Amino acid sequence: MSQERIKKTVNVQTLINEQGLSGYQKLVLFFCFSILALDGLDTAAVGYIAPLLVAEWGIERSALAPALSAALFGLAFGALAAGPCADRFGRKVTLIVATVFFALFSLLTALAYDIPSLALIRFLTGLGLGAAMPNAVTLMAELAPARCRSLVINTVYVGFPLGAAAGGFVAAWLIPHYGWQGIFILGGVLPLLLLPFLIRSLPESVSYMTARGYPLPRIRAVLERICRCDLGHVEQFVLAEAPAKSGDSSLRLILSRSYVLGTLMLWVTYFMGLLIFYLLTSWMPLMMKDAGFSIEKAALLTAIFPLGGGIGTLVSGVLMDKFNPGRVLSVVYVLAALLLIAVGQSMDNVAVFAVLIFLAGVMVTGAQASLPALAAPIYPTAARATGMAWMLGIGRFGGIAGALLGGVLLSMKLPFSQIVVLLAIPAALAMLALWLLSLKMARPAAAAAATLARSAS
C-alpha cells in the first residue's frame, strides 16, 4: 500500500482516539446525559408518590406492587428490543423514537385513576425508557476517545441516578402544590422540549455508519465536527475490528463462544445491582414512613441514596480508565455490602443514618452506573448496542425482583434494619461475577502486552 493510499484511508476510532474531547462531543454528552436524567426522574417517580396513592386511593401498600413493577417490565422489554433495533436501524433514530414514546406515556400517567390503569400506562412508559438508556450510552461510547471513555460513559450514565434523586426533591415541592400528577406532567413535557435539539444536533455513531457502509460524506461530516479538521482527502473510512459474519444476528454474536462468559457475568452483576437499587428506591419512602418520618422527609431521605451515585460513578470512571475496570467495580461492591450492613445498624441516629445512606448510594449506584462503561469495549460495533441493551434488559428483571421482593419483605413485617442487611447478599454475588469478568479481561490484555514485548526485543 502506497504512502498516498495510507493517507486516504482512515480508521475512524483511531482518529477519534487521537483527539481531545471536542465541543461537539461535549454537546452530545450533554444531550445523552439529559435523556438519562429524565429517564431516572420518570422511573423513580412512582416510588415517591406511593405513600400519597395509598392514602388517596384507599389501598393496601402491597397493592402498589403491580404499579411499582410495571414500568420495570417495560424497561426490560424495551431494552431487549431496542438493542437489535439500534444495531439494525441506527443509534440515533432508535433513541429519538424511544424519547418520544416515554414522553407521551409519562404525560398519560397523570390520567391514571386506579392500580390497573396506572400499571398499564407505566408499562408502556417503561418501553420507551428502557429503549432510550442503552442507545444513549452506546452512542456516546462510540463517539468518545479510548483514554477517557469510561469517564465519559459514566458521566452520561450518572444522569440516571441524579434524575432519580431529583425526583425526590421535585416530588417534595410539586406534590403539595399540584398533586402527584404534577411530577408525571413535568416528566413528559421536559423530553418533548428537548426533542427538537436532539433531532438537529445528535449525530449517528461513526463506527456504526462505517460498519454499515454509509455514504462517505455522512461519515466525513460527523468526523469533521468531532475532530475539527478537514477530511476532504479521505477516500475510505474503516474499522480496526473484523467485520461480523453475514447472517449472524447481533444476539447470536454476544452469546457466541468468544463473548458468552462476559455476557453472562454482566447480566448477573446488573441483575443484582438493580435488585438492590429498586428495592430501596421503590419501598424506602414507605419504610421511612413506618419508621416515623413524614412523607416529605421520607422522600428526601430516599433521594439521598441515588444522589450519592453521581460521585461514585465519576470516581469509578476515572479509576476504570487507569486500572482493570472489572476489579475496580468488584472492590466497590465489597464496600457497598459493608455499608448496607452499617445502614441497618444506624437508624437511631438520623444524621449518621443519612450519611450512611448517602455512602451506600455512592457505592451501589456508582458501581451500577459504571457497568455500561465496562461492557462497551467488550463487544464489537455490530453487536455493541445489543450487548449493552441486553445487559440492561436482563438486569431490569433484577429491578422487578427487587420491587416485588420489597413488597414481600414488608408484608412479613421485617424491619428496615434487617432488609438492608439482607441486601448485602446480592452485593456480594455481584462482586464475585465482576471478579470472574476481570480475570477474563486480564488474559487478552496480558497476551497483547507479551506480544508487544516480544516485538520490541
Protein backbone atom coordinates (compact mmCIF):
# COMPACT_ATOMS: atom_id res chain seq x y z
CA MET A 1 0.00 0.00 0.00
CA SER A 2 1.46 3.38 -1.03
CA GLN A 3 2.00 6.28 1.34
CA GLU A 4 -0.59 8.29 -0.58
CA ARG A 5 -3.13 5.49 -0.20
CA ILE A 6 -2.48 5.30 3.57
CA LYS A 7 -3.33 8.97 3.90
CA LYS A 8 -6.63 8.46 2.12
CA THR A 9 -7.73 5.53 4.30
CA VAL A 10 -8.62 6.44 7.88
CA ASN A 11 -9.58 4.26 10.83
CA VAL A 12 -12.47 6.16 12.43
CA GLN A 13 -11.88 5.03 16.03
CA THR A 14 -8.13 5.67 15.79
CA LEU A 15 -8.87 9.18 14.53
CA ILE A 16 -11.25 9.84 17.43
CA ASN A 17 -8.75 8.39 19.92
CA GLU A 18 -6.05 10.80 18.71
CA GLN A 19 -8.20 13.85 19.53
CA GLY A 20 -9.20 15.53 22.74
CA LEU A 21 -12.86 15.80 23.70
CA SER A 22 -14.23 18.43 21.33
CA GLY A 23 -17.01 20.91 21.94
CA TYR A 24 -19.29 18.86 19.70
CA GLN A 25 -18.63 15.67 21.68
CA LYS A 26 -19.39 17.60 24.87
CA LEU A 27 -22.69 18.76 23.35
CA VAL A 28 -23.62 15.16 22.53
CA LEU A 29 -22.56 14.22 26.06
CA PHE A 30 -24.92 16.87 27.47
CA PHE A 31 -27.87 15.61 25.43
CA CYS A 32 -27.26 11.95 26.32
CA PHE A 33 -26.85 12.93 30.00
CA SER A 34 -30.13 14.86 29.84
CA ILE A 35 -32.01 11.89 28.36
CA LEU A 36 -30.82 9.63 31.16
CA ALA A 37 -31.64 12.24 33.80
CA LEU A 38 -35.22 12.42 32.51
CA ASP A 39 -35.25 8.62 32.37
CA GLY A 40 -34.21 8.42 36.02
CA LEU A 41 -36.71 11.05 37.16
CA ASP A 42 -39.61 9.26 35.48
CA THR A 43 -38.54 5.77 36.58
CA ALA A 44 -38.30 6.70 40.26
CA ALA A 45 -41.41 8.87 40.34
CA VAL A 46 -43.89 6.14 41.36
CA GLY A 47 -41.85 5.31 44.45
CA TYR A 48 -42.02 8.93 45.60
CA ILE A 49 -45.80 9.18 45.22
CA ALA A 50 -46.51 5.73 46.72
CA PRO A 51 -47.49 6.97 50.22
CA LEU A 52 -49.88 9.52 48.69
CA LEU A 53 -51.55 6.90 46.45
CA VAL A 54 -52.06 4.60 49.43
CA ALA A 55 -53.92 7.37 51.24
CA GLU A 56 -55.78 8.86 48.25
CA TRP A 57 -56.96 5.60 46.68
CA GLY A 58 -57.55 3.82 50.00
CA ILE A 59 -55.47 0.75 49.13
CA GLU A 60 -53.07 -1.52 50.95
CA ARG A 61 -49.36 -0.90 50.48
CA SER A 62 -48.87 -4.33 48.93
CA ALA A 63 -51.45 -3.47 46.26
CA LEU A 64 -48.95 -1.00 44.80
CA ALA A 65 -46.56 -3.78 43.79
CA PRO A 66 -48.01 -4.18 40.24
CA ALA A 67 -47.72 -0.45 39.59
CA LEU A 68 -44.21 -0.29 41.01
CA SER A 69 -43.03 -3.24 38.92
CA ALA A 70 -44.95 -2.49 35.70
CA ALA A 71 -42.51 0.18 34.50
CA LEU A 72 -39.64 -2.19 35.24
CA PHE A 73 -41.16 -4.86 32.97
CA GLY A 74 -41.44 -2.18 30.30
CA LEU A 75 -37.85 -1.12 30.89
CA ALA A 76 -36.70 -4.72 30.48
CA PHE A 77 -38.61 -5.45 27.28
CA GLY A 78 -37.84 -2.01 25.86
CA ALA A 79 -34.12 -2.59 26.31
CA LEU A 80 -34.24 -6.12 24.90
CA ALA A 81 -35.99 -4.86 21.75
CA ALA A 82 -34.00 -1.63 21.37
CA GLY A 83 -30.54 -3.21 21.14
CA PRO A 84 -31.17 -5.24 17.99
CA CYS A 85 -33.16 -2.32 16.53
CA ALA A 86 -30.23 0.06 17.10
CA ASP A 87 -27.76 -2.41 15.57
CA ARG A 88 -30.03 -2.62 12.54
CA PHE A 89 -31.51 0.87 12.11
CA GLY A 90 -29.03 3.09 13.95
CA ARG A 91 -28.47 4.54 17.40
CA LYS A 92 -29.89 8.00 16.72
CA VAL A 93 -33.26 7.07 15.23
CA THR A 94 -33.92 4.45 17.91
CA LEU A 95 -33.02 6.94 20.64
CA ILE A 96 -35.33 9.66 19.29
CA VAL A 97 -38.29 7.29 18.83
CA ALA A 98 -37.78 5.98 22.39
CA THR A 99 -37.70 9.54 23.80
CA VAL A 100 -40.97 10.49 22.10
CA PHE A 101 -42.57 7.28 23.34
CA PHE A 102 -41.70 7.69 27.01
CA ALA A 103 -42.55 11.41 26.99
CA LEU A 104 -46.08 10.84 25.71
CA PHE A 105 -46.85 8.00 28.09
CA SER A 106 -45.41 9.91 31.03
CA LEU A 107 -48.00 12.61 30.31
CA LEU A 108 -50.72 9.97 30.16
CA THR A 109 -49.69 8.64 33.59
CA ALA A 110 -51.28 11.73 35.12
CA LEU A 111 -54.67 10.39 33.93
CA ALA A 112 -54.40 7.08 35.82
CA TYR A 113 -57.30 6.54 38.22
CA ASP A 114 -56.63 3.10 39.76
CA ILE A 115 -53.93 0.43 40.04
CA PRO A 116 -54.70 -1.40 36.73
CA SER A 117 -54.68 1.83 34.67
CA LEU A 118 -51.53 3.05 36.39
CA ALA A 119 -49.77 -0.30 35.85
CA LEU A 120 -50.67 -0.39 32.14
CA ILE A 121 -49.52 3.16 31.43
CA ARG A 122 -46.32 2.68 33.44
CA PHE A 123 -45.54 -0.48 31.46
CA LEU A 124 -45.88 1.41 28.18
CA THR A 125 -43.81 4.30 29.54
CA GLY A 126 -41.16 1.79 30.56
CA LEU A 127 -40.84 0.51 26.99
CA GLY A 128 -39.61 3.93 25.90
CA LEU A 129 -37.47 4.47 28.98
CA GLY A 130 -35.82 1.07 28.53
CA ALA A 131 -35.06 1.71 24.88
CA ALA A 132 -33.61 5.19 25.43
CA MET A 133 -30.97 4.35 28.03
CA PRO A 134 -28.79 1.76 26.20
CA ASN A 135 -28.82 3.75 22.97
CA ALA A 136 -27.76 6.99 24.62
CA VAL A 137 -24.89 5.17 26.32
CA THR A 138 -23.89 3.22 23.19
CA LEU A 139 -23.89 6.35 21.04
CA MET A 140 -21.62 8.19 23.47
CA ALA A 141 -19.35 5.16 23.89
CA GLU A 142 -18.74 5.05 20.14
CA LEU A 143 -18.00 8.78 19.92
CA ALA A 144 -15.61 9.01 22.89
CA PRO A 145 -11.79 8.67 22.75
CA ALA A 146 -10.49 5.48 24.38
CA ARG A 147 -8.30 7.18 27.01
CA CYS A 148 -11.32 8.75 28.76
CA ARG A 149 -14.15 6.52 27.52
CA SER A 150 -15.08 5.08 30.92
CA LEU A 151 -15.28 8.54 32.48
CA VAL A 152 -17.33 9.89 29.56
CA ILE A 153 -19.78 6.96 29.61
CA ASN A 154 -20.10 7.21 33.38
CA THR A 155 -20.76 10.94 33.09
CA VAL A 156 -23.65 10.13 30.75
CA TYR A 157 -24.94 7.37 32.97
CA VAL A 158 -24.74 9.47 36.13
CA GLY A 159 -27.70 11.34 34.70
CA PHE A 160 -29.93 8.43 35.67
CA PRO A 161 -29.25 8.38 39.45
CA LEU A 162 -29.17 12.18 39.54
CA GLY A 163 -32.53 12.26 37.76
CA ALA A 164 -33.87 9.69 40.23
CA ALA A 165 -32.57 11.78 43.11
CA ALA A 166 -34.01 14.96 41.62
CA GLY A 167 -37.36 13.20 41.50
CA GLY A 168 -37.40 13.15 45.29
CA PHE A 169 -36.74 16.88 45.58
CA VAL A 170 -39.18 17.67 42.77
CA ALA A 171 -41.85 15.45 44.37
CA ALA A 172 -41.38 17.12 47.75
CA TRP A 173 -42.06 20.50 46.09
CA LEU A 174 -44.64 19.58 43.42
CA ILE A 175 -46.95 17.26 45.37
CA PRO A 176 -48.20 19.86 47.91
CA HIS A 177 -48.96 22.32 45.07
CA TYR A 178 -50.07 20.19 42.10
CA GLY A 179 -50.72 16.71 43.47
CA TRP A 180 -48.98 13.53 42.41
CA GLN A 181 -49.93 14.13 38.76
CA GLY A 182 -47.59 17.12 38.53
CA ILE A 183 -44.39 15.07 38.53
CA PHE A 184 -45.55 12.99 35.54
CA ILE A 185 -46.67 16.04 33.57
CA LEU A 186 -43.23 17.54 34.12
CA GLY A 187 -41.62 14.21 33.19
CA GLY A 188 -43.45 14.29 29.84
CA VAL A 189 -43.05 17.95 28.95
CA LEU A 190 -39.28 18.15 29.50
CA PRO A 191 -38.26 15.45 26.96
CA LEU A 192 -40.65 16.91 24.38
CA LEU A 193 -38.95 20.30 24.81
CA LEU A 194 -35.58 18.60 24.33
CA LEU A 195 -36.67 16.68 21.24
CA PRO A 196 -36.04 19.35 18.51
CA PHE A 197 -32.46 19.78 19.75
CA LEU A 198 -31.89 16.02 19.66
CA ILE A 199 -33.15 15.75 16.09
CA ARG A 200 -30.99 18.64 14.93
CA SER A 201 -27.75 18.07 16.85
CA LEU A 202 -27.32 14.37 17.64
CA PRO A 203 -25.10 12.52 15.15
CA GLU A 204 -25.22 8.89 14.19
CA SER A 205 -22.33 6.81 15.50
CA VAL A 206 -19.42 6.95 13.04
CA SER A 207 -18.41 3.39 13.96
CA TYR A 208 -21.94 2.22 13.17
CA MET A 209 -22.05 4.15 9.88
CA THR A 210 -18.67 2.77 8.85
CA ALA A 211 -19.64 -0.81 9.72
CA ARG A 212 -22.91 -0.46 7.79
CA GLY A 213 -21.33 1.14 4.72
CA TYR A 214 -22.97 4.58 4.93
CA PRO A 215 -22.11 7.14 2.23
CA LEU A 216 -18.67 8.70 2.71
CA PRO A 217 -19.94 12.33 3.04
CA ARG A 218 -22.17 11.41 6.02
CA ILE A 219 -19.30 9.82 7.92
CA ARG A 220 -16.92 12.64 6.99
CA ALA A 221 -19.35 15.36 8.17
CA VAL A 222 -19.62 13.89 11.68
CA LEU A 223 -15.88 13.22 12.00
CA GLU A 224 -15.00 16.74 10.87
CA ARG A 225 -17.23 18.18 13.62
CA ILE A 226 -15.65 15.86 16.19
CA CYS A 227 -12.03 16.28 15.12
CA ARG A 228 -12.22 19.91 13.91
CA CYS A 229 -10.18 19.13 10.79
CA ASP A 230 -10.66 18.85 7.03
CA LEU A 231 -11.08 15.24 5.90
CA GLY A 232 -11.92 16.03 2.29
CA HIS A 233 -8.93 14.00 1.07
CA VAL A 234 -10.13 10.77 2.70
CA GLU A 235 -11.46 8.17 0.26
CA GLN A 236 -12.25 5.38 2.72
CA PHE A 237 -13.17 5.08 6.41
CA VAL A 238 -12.52 1.74 8.10
CA LEU A 239 -12.78 -0.02 11.47
CA ALA A 240 -9.95 -1.88 13.19
CA GLU A 241 -12.20 -4.79 14.18
CA ALA A 242 -13.03 -7.68 11.88
CA PRO A 243 -16.42 -7.36 10.19
CA ALA A 244 -19.23 -9.52 11.56
CA LYS A 245 -20.09 -12.64 9.60
CA SER A 246 -23.02 -12.09 7.29
CA GLY A 247 -26.14 -13.80 8.57
CA ASP A 248 -25.02 -13.67 12.21
CA SER A 249 -27.53 -11.82 14.36
CA SER A 250 -26.22 -9.43 16.98
CA LEU A 251 -27.84 -11.54 19.71
CA ARG A 252 -26.15 -14.69 18.45
CA LEU A 253 -22.84 -12.85 18.42
CA ILE A 254 -22.98 -11.75 22.08
CA LEU A 255 -23.82 -15.35 23.07
CA SER A 256 -21.08 -16.87 20.92
CA ARG A 257 -18.13 -18.66 22.48
CA SER A 258 -15.94 -15.54 22.41
CA TYR A 259 -18.39 -13.38 24.35
CA VAL A 260 -20.72 -15.64 26.35
CA LEU A 261 -18.79 -15.61 29.65
CA GLY A 262 -18.51 -11.82 29.68
CA THR A 263 -22.17 -11.53 28.68
CA LEU A 264 -23.38 -13.80 31.49
CA MET A 265 -21.24 -12.11 34.15
CA LEU A 266 -22.53 -8.70 33.08
CA TRP A 267 -26.10 -9.98 33.28
CA VAL A 268 -25.57 -11.36 36.80
CA THR A 269 -23.95 -8.16 38.02
CA TYR A 270 -26.56 -5.84 36.57
CA PHE A 271 -29.38 -8.05 37.87
CA MET A 272 -28.04 -7.99 41.44
CA GLY A 273 -27.30 -4.27 41.39
CA LEU A 274 -30.79 -3.35 40.21
CA LEU A 275 -32.38 -5.70 42.73
CA ILE A 276 -30.74 -3.61 45.46
CA PHE A 277 -31.44 -0.25 43.78
CA TYR A 278 -35.13 -0.75 43.01
CA LEU A 279 -36.00 -2.44 46.29
CA LEU A 280 -34.67 0.59 48.11
CA THR A 281 -35.90 3.36 45.80
CA SER A 282 -39.35 1.76 45.38
CA TRP A 283 -40.06 0.94 49.01
CA MET A 284 -37.81 3.16 51.10
CA PRO A 285 -40.37 6.00 51.34
CA LEU A 286 -42.87 3.59 52.91
CA MET A 287 -40.15 2.06 55.11
CA MET A 288 -39.14 5.52 56.29
CA LYS A 289 -42.77 6.46 56.95
CA ASP A 290 -43.17 3.30 59.04
CA ALA A 291 -40.07 4.35 60.96
CA GLY A 292 -41.82 7.59 61.94
CA PHE A 293 -40.70 10.09 59.28
CA SER A 294 -43.10 12.44 57.47
CA ILE A 295 -43.84 11.84 53.76
CA GLU A 296 -41.69 14.83 52.77
CA LYS A 297 -38.75 13.74 54.93
CA ALA A 298 -39.08 10.15 53.71
CA ALA A 299 -38.86 11.36 50.10
CA LEU A 300 -35.79 13.46 50.88
CA LEU A 301 -34.03 10.61 52.72
CA THR A 302 -34.77 8.26 49.83
CA ALA A 303 -33.42 10.84 47.37
CA ILE A 304 -30.08 10.83 49.20
CA PHE A 305 -29.44 7.22 48.17
CA PRO A 306 -29.27 7.68 44.35
CA LEU A 307 -27.78 11.17 44.77
CA GLY A 308 -24.57 9.62 46.11
CA GLY A 309 -24.23 7.59 42.93
CA GLY A 310 -23.11 10.64 40.97
CA ILE A 311 -19.88 10.85 42.93
CA GLY A 312 -19.33 7.10 42.86
CA THR A 313 -19.91 6.90 39.11
CA LEU A 314 -17.45 9.65 38.22
CA VAL A 315 -14.75 8.35 40.58
CA SER A 316 -15.25 4.82 39.25
CA GLY A 317 -14.91 6.13 35.68
CA VAL A 318 -11.54 7.72 36.45
CA LEU A 319 -10.27 4.55 38.15
CA MET A 320 -11.59 2.31 35.37
CA ASP A 321 -9.60 4.28 32.79
CA LYS A 322 -6.43 3.65 34.84
CA PHE A 323 -6.85 0.10 36.19
CA ASN A 324 -8.61 -3.18 35.38
CA PRO A 325 -12.24 -1.96 35.31
CA GLY A 326 -13.75 -5.26 36.46
CA ARG A 327 -11.56 -5.35 39.57
CA VAL A 328 -12.30 -1.71 40.35
CA LEU A 329 -16.04 -2.39 40.37
CA SER A 330 -15.70 -5.64 42.34
CA VAL A 331 -13.99 -3.70 45.14
CA VAL A 332 -16.77 -1.09 45.01
CA TYR A 333 -19.37 -3.83 45.55
CA VAL A 334 -17.47 -5.14 48.59
CA LEU A 335 -17.69 -1.66 50.10
CA ALA A 336 -21.37 -1.50 49.14
CA ALA A 337 -22.13 -4.69 51.06
CA LEU A 338 -20.36 -3.40 54.17
CA LEU A 339 -22.17 -0.05 54.04
CA LEU A 340 -25.59 -1.65 53.61
CA ILE A 341 -24.97 -3.63 56.78
CA ALA A 342 -23.92 -0.42 58.55
CA VAL A 343 -27.09 1.41 57.39
CA GLY A 344 -29.23 -1.18 59.13
CA GLN A 345 -27.48 -0.55 62.43
CA SER A 346 -27.76 3.26 62.48
CA MET A 347 -31.46 4.18 62.44
CA ASP A 348 -31.37 5.62 65.95
CA ASN A 349 -29.16 8.50 64.80
CA VAL A 350 -30.75 10.36 61.87
CA ALA A 351 -27.58 12.27 60.92
CA VAL A 352 -25.41 9.12 60.81
CA PHE A 353 -28.24 7.26 59.08
CA ALA A 354 -28.41 9.89 56.31
CA VAL A 355 -24.63 9.87 55.82
CA LEU A 356 -24.52 6.08 55.57
CA ILE A 357 -27.44 6.03 53.10
CA PHE A 358 -25.51 8.55 51.00
CA LEU A 359 -22.29 6.49 51.14
CA ALA A 360 -24.13 3.27 50.33
CA GLY A 361 -25.61 5.07 47.32
CA VAL A 362 -22.12 6.20 46.29
CA MET A 363 -21.08 2.54 46.09
CA VAL A 364 -24.22 0.76 44.87
CA THR A 365 -25.39 3.33 42.34
CA GLY A 366 -21.84 4.23 41.31
CA ALA A 367 -20.94 0.62 40.54
CA GLN A 368 -24.24 0.01 38.75
CA ALA A 369 -23.90 3.12 36.62
CA SER A 370 -20.35 2.13 35.65
CA LEU A 371 -21.30 -1.22 34.12
CA PRO A 372 -22.09 0.18 30.63
CA ALA A 373 -18.55 1.61 30.52
CA LEU A 374 -17.27 -1.87 31.39
CA ALA A 375 -19.47 -3.51 28.74
CA ALA A 376 -18.91 -1.13 25.81
CA PRO A 377 -15.36 -2.17 24.83
CA ILE A 378 -16.14 -5.88 25.29
CA TYR A 379 -18.44 -6.04 22.25
CA PRO A 380 -17.79 -5.29 18.53
CA THR A 381 -19.66 -2.48 16.75
CA ALA A 382 -22.04 -4.90 15.00
CA ALA A 383 -23.38 -6.11 18.37
CA ARG A 384 -22.47 -3.36 20.84
CA ALA A 385 -25.96 -1.89 21.18
CA THR A 386 -27.42 -5.39 21.61
CA GLY A 387 -24.77 -6.39 24.16
CA MET A 388 -25.34 -3.30 26.27
CA ALA A 389 -29.12 -3.28 25.85
CA TRP A 390 -29.47 -6.95 26.79
CA MET A 391 -27.31 -6.38 29.85
CA LEU A 392 -29.68 -3.57 30.83
CA GLY A 393 -32.77 -5.57 29.85
CA ILE A 394 -31.86 -8.78 31.68
CA GLY A 395 -30.73 -6.67 34.62
CA ARG A 396 -34.13 -4.97 34.72
CA PHE A 397 -35.62 -8.25 35.85
CA GLY A 398 -33.44 -7.77 38.92
CA GLY A 399 -35.20 -4.44 39.41
CA ILE A 400 -38.56 -6.20 39.04
CA ALA A 401 -37.45 -8.81 41.57
CA GLY A 402 -36.36 -6.02 43.93
CA ALA A 403 -39.68 -4.18 43.66
CA LEU A 404 -41.65 -7.38 44.25
CA LEU A 405 -39.31 -8.64 46.97
CA GLY A 406 -39.71 -5.37 48.84
CA GLY A 407 -43.46 -5.92 49.00
CA VAL A 408 -42.95 -9.47 50.26
CA LEU A 409 -40.49 -8.37 52.95
CA LEU A 410 -42.81 -5.59 54.11
CA SER A 411 -45.74 -8.00 54.27
CA MET A 412 -43.56 -10.20 56.51
CA LYS A 413 -43.22 -7.18 58.84
CA LEU A 414 -39.43 -7.26 58.58
CA PRO A 415 -37.88 -4.03 59.88
CA PHE A 416 -35.82 -1.84 57.56
CA SER A 417 -32.66 -2.69 59.52
CA GLN A 418 -32.96 -6.38 58.62
CA ILE A 419 -33.92 -5.75 55.00
CA VAL A 420 -30.77 -3.72 54.21
CA VAL A 421 -28.55 -6.36 55.84
CA LEU A 422 -30.10 -8.99 53.56
CA LEU A 423 -29.22 -6.80 50.56
CA ALA A 424 -25.53 -7.37 51.28
CA ILE A 425 -26.01 -10.85 49.75
CA PRO A 426 -26.76 -9.70 46.15
CA ALA A 427 -23.94 -7.13 46.51
CA ALA A 428 -21.52 -9.98 47.28
CA LEU A 429 -22.77 -12.02 44.29
CA ALA A 430 -22.22 -9.01 42.01
CA MET A 431 -18.68 -8.72 43.36
CA LEU A 432 -17.94 -12.38 42.51
CA ALA A 433 -19.30 -12.03 38.95
CA LEU A 434 -17.19 -8.93 38.36
CA TRP A 435 -14.08 -10.65 39.67
CA LEU A 436 -14.56 -13.52 37.20
CA LEU A 437 -15.08 -11.00 34.41
CA SER A 438 -11.92 -9.12 35.40
CA LEU A 439 -9.91 -12.35 35.12
CA LYS A 440 -11.25 -12.93 31.62
CA MET A 441 -10.46 -9.35 30.58
CA ALA A 442 -6.94 -9.60 32.00
CA ARG A 443 -5.95 -12.55 29.78
CA PRO A 444 -6.14 -10.81 26.37
CA ALA A 445 -4.50 -7.69 27.85
CA ALA A 446 -1.61 -9.78 29.18
CA ALA A 447 -1.29 -11.60 25.84
CA ALA A 448 -1.19 -8.28 23.98
CA ALA A 449 1.48 -6.95 26.35
CA ALA A 450 3.58 -10.10 25.85
CA THR A 451 3.29 -9.81 22.08
CA LEU A 452 4.35 -6.16 22.24
CA ALA A 453 7.34 -7.05 24.44
CA ARG A 454 8.48 -9.80 22.03
CA SER A 455 8.21 -7.46 19.05
CA ALA A 456 10.24 -4.79 20.86
CA SER A 457 13.05 -7.20 21.81
